[in-house]
Amino acid sequence: MRWLLSFLLFASCTMTLRADTFIYASMAPEKKIQAYRLNPKDGSLIAIDAIAVEGGPVSLCVDPDGKFLFASLRTIDSLARRAS
């Protein structure tokens, strides 16, 4: 439940609607990052990928060009990067 509240707060502060809007949710207990595509017509989320990582992802960030997703991994003190 805590990750959902954090995700909603993060999304409401940083989301801007464009042609393709992606939303990433940290699923720390499962050691995954869930990727969603936002449907611009009705605002629904479409699950597109579950990205497995080595540790529990906490903070997520997309670079300004939208090419990379970065995640800090709390349980192994590391940083993960994935090209989009």
C-alpha atoms as a PDB file:
ATOM      1  CA  MET A   1       0.000   0.000   0.000  1.00  0.00           C
ATOM      2  CA  ARG A   2       2.866   2.368   0.822  1.00  0.00           C
ATOM      3  CA  TRP A   3       4.381   1.978  -2.660  1.00  0.00           C
ATOM      4  CA  LEU A   4       1.019   2.830  -4.227  1.00  0.00           C
ATOM      5  CA  LEU A   5       0.734   6.070  -2.262  1.00  0.00           C
ATOM      6  CA  SER A   6       4.333   6.992  -3.086  1.00  0.00           C
ATOM      7  CA  PHE A   7       3.714   6.217  -6.733  1.00  0.00           C
ATOM      8  CA  LEU A   8       0.551   8.324  -6.897  1.00  0.00           C
ATOM      9  CA  LEU A   9       2.272  11.262  -5.225  1.00  0.00           C
ATOM     10  CA  PHE A  10       5.250  10.990  -7.576  1.00  0.00           C
ATOM     11  CA  ALA A  11       3.048  10.635 -10.661  1.00  0.00           C
ATOM     12  CA  SER A  12       0.859  13.595  -9.734  1.00  0.00           C
ATOM     13  CA  CYS A  13       3.909  15.823  -9.253  1.00  0.00           C
ATOM     14  CA  THR A  14       5.855  14.870 -12.360  1.00  0.00           C
ATOM     15  CA  MET A  15       3.484  13.545 -14.996  1.00  0.00           C
ATOM     16  CA  THR A  16       2.838  15.475 -18.174  1.00  0.00           C
ATOM     17  CA  LEU A  17       0.664  14.043 -20.906  1.00  0.00           C
ATOM     18  CA  ARG A  18       2.325  13.432 -24.258  1.00  0.00           C
ATOM     19  CA  ALA A  19       1.723  11.077 -27.158  1.00  0.00           C
ATOM     20  CA  ASP A  20       3.127   8.117 -25.209  1.00  0.00           C
ATOM     21  CA  THR A  21       3.153   8.525 -21.458  1.00  0.00           C
ATOM     22  CA  PHE A  22       4.744   5.779 -19.405  1.00  0.00           C
ATOM     23  CA  ILE A  23       4.427   5.292 -15.670  1.00  0.00           C
ATOM     24  CA  TYR A  24       6.827   3.204 -13.619  1.00  0.00           C
ATOM     25  CA  ALA A  25       5.935   1.744 -10.212  1.00  0.00           C
ATOM     26  CA  SER A  26       8.498   0.398  -7.764  1.00  0.00           C
ATOM     27  CA  MET A  27       7.557  -3.027  -6.416  1.00  0.00           C
ATOM     28  CA  ALA A  28      10.337  -3.389  -3.825  1.00  0.00           C
ATOM     29  CA  PRO A  29       9.184  -6.599  -2.077  1.00  0.00           C
ATOM     30  CA  GLU A  30       8.955  -8.387  -5.437  1.00  0.00           C
ATOM     31  CA  LYS A  31      12.251  -6.849  -6.710  1.00  0.00           C
ATOM     32  CA  LYS A  32      10.509  -5.557  -9.824  1.00  0.00           C
ATOM     33  CA  ILE A  33       9.583  -2.336 -11.564  1.00  0.00           C
ATOM     34  CA  GLN A  34       6.174  -2.415 -13.233  1.00  0.00           C
ATOM     35  CA  ALA A  35       5.845  -0.353 -16.420  1.00  0.00           C
ATOM     36  CA  TYR A  36       2.496   1.008 -17.593  1.00  0.00           C
ATOM     37  CA  ARG A  37       1.347   2.972 -20.620  1.00  0.00           C
ATOM     38  CA  LEU A  38      -1.251   5.671 -20.001  1.00  0.00           C
ATOM     39  CA  ASN A  39      -4.266   5.552 -22.298  1.00  0.00           C
ATOM     40  CA  PRO A  40      -4.775   9.248 -23.215  1.00  0.00           C
ATOM     41  CA  LYS A  41      -8.452   8.740 -24.080  1.00  0.00           C
ATOM     42  CA  ASP A  42      -9.726   7.445 -20.758  1.00  0.00           C
ATOM     43  CA  GLY A  43      -6.746   7.713 -18.379  1.00  0.00           C
ATOM     44  CA  SER A  44      -6.532   3.972 -17.763  1.00  0.00           C
ATOM     45  CA  LEU A  45      -3.200   2.224 -17.228  1.00  0.00           C
ATOM     46  CA  ILE A  46      -2.114  -0.653 -19.443  1.00  0.00           C
ATOM     47  CA  ALA A  47       0.543  -2.967 -17.954  1.00  0.00           C
ATOM     48  CA  ILE A  48       3.299  -3.413 -20.537  1.00  0.00           C
ATOM     49  CA  ASP A  49       6.284  -4.903 -18.700  1.00  0.00           C
ATOM     50  CA  ALA A  50       7.558  -6.110 -15.333  1.00  0.00           C
ATOM     51  CA  ILE A  51      11.285  -5.446 -15.091  1.00  0.00           C
ATOM     52  CA  ALA A  52      13.174  -7.711 -12.682  1.00  0.00           C
ATOM     53  CA  VAL A  53      16.030  -6.074 -10.735  1.00  0.00           C
ATOM     54  CA  GLU A  54      18.611  -7.486  -8.313  1.00  0.00           C
ATOM     55  CA  GLY A  55      17.499  -5.503  -5.259  1.00  0.00           C
ATOM     56  CA  GLY A  56      14.449  -3.696  -3.940  1.00  0.00           C
ATOM     57  CA  PRO A  57      13.906  -0.610  -6.130  1.00  0.00           C
ATOM     58  CA  VAL A  58      13.080   2.545  -4.200  1.00  0.00           C
ATOM     59  CA  SER A  59      13.523   5.785  -6.116  1.00  0.00           C
ATOM     60  CA  LEU A  60      12.848   5.859  -9.857  1.00  0.00           C
ATOM     61  CA  CYS A  61      13.893   8.522 -12.348  1.00  0.00           C
ATOM     62  CA  VAL A  62      13.694   8.889 -16.134  1.00  0.00           C
ATOM     63  CA  ASP A  63      16.348  10.976 -17.883  1.00  0.00           C
ATOM     64  CA  PRO A  64      15.151  14.208 -19.581  1.00  0.00           C
ATOM     65  CA  ASP A  65      15.266  12.602 -23.046  1.00  0.00           C
ATOM     66  CA  GLY A  66      13.158   9.656 -21.865  1.00  0.00           C
ATOM     67  CA  LYS A  67      15.777   7.137 -22.994  1.00  0.00           C
ATOM     68  CA  PHE A  68      16.789   5.643 -19.637  1.00  0.00           C
ATOM     69  CA  LEU A  69      15.071   4.608 -16.424  1.00  0.00           C
ATOM     70  CA  PHE A  70      17.237   4.699 -13.290  1.00  0.00           C
ATOM     71  CA  ALA A  71      16.383   2.964 -10.023  1.00  0.00           C
ATOM     72  CA  SER A  72      18.163   3.021  -6.685  1.00  0.00           C
ATOM     73  CA  LEU A  73      18.272  -0.482  -5.225  1.00  0.00           C
ATOM     74  CA  ARG A  74      18.031  -0.271  -1.466  1.00  0.00           C
ATOM     75  CA  THR A  75      18.814  -3.866  -0.521  1.00  0.00           C
ATOM     76  CA  ILE A  76      22.147  -4.009  -2.392  1.00  0.00           C
ATOM     77  CA  ASP A  77      23.280  -0.336  -2.338  1.00  0.00           C
ATOM     78  CA  SER A  78      23.395  -0.102  -6.104  1.00  0.00           C
ATOM     79  CA  LEU A  79      21.883   1.730  -9.071  1.00  0.00           C
ATOM     80  CA  ALA A  80      20.129  -0.001 -11.974  1.00  0.00           C
ATOM     81  CA  ARG A  81      19.732   1.441 -15.474  1.00  0.00           C
ATOM     82  CA  ARG A  82      17.516   0.303 -18.330  1.00  0.00           C
ATOM     83  CA  ALA A  83      17.227   1.726 -21.844  1.00  0.00           C
ATOM     84  CA  SER A  84      13.665   2.339 -22.919  1.00  0.00           C
END
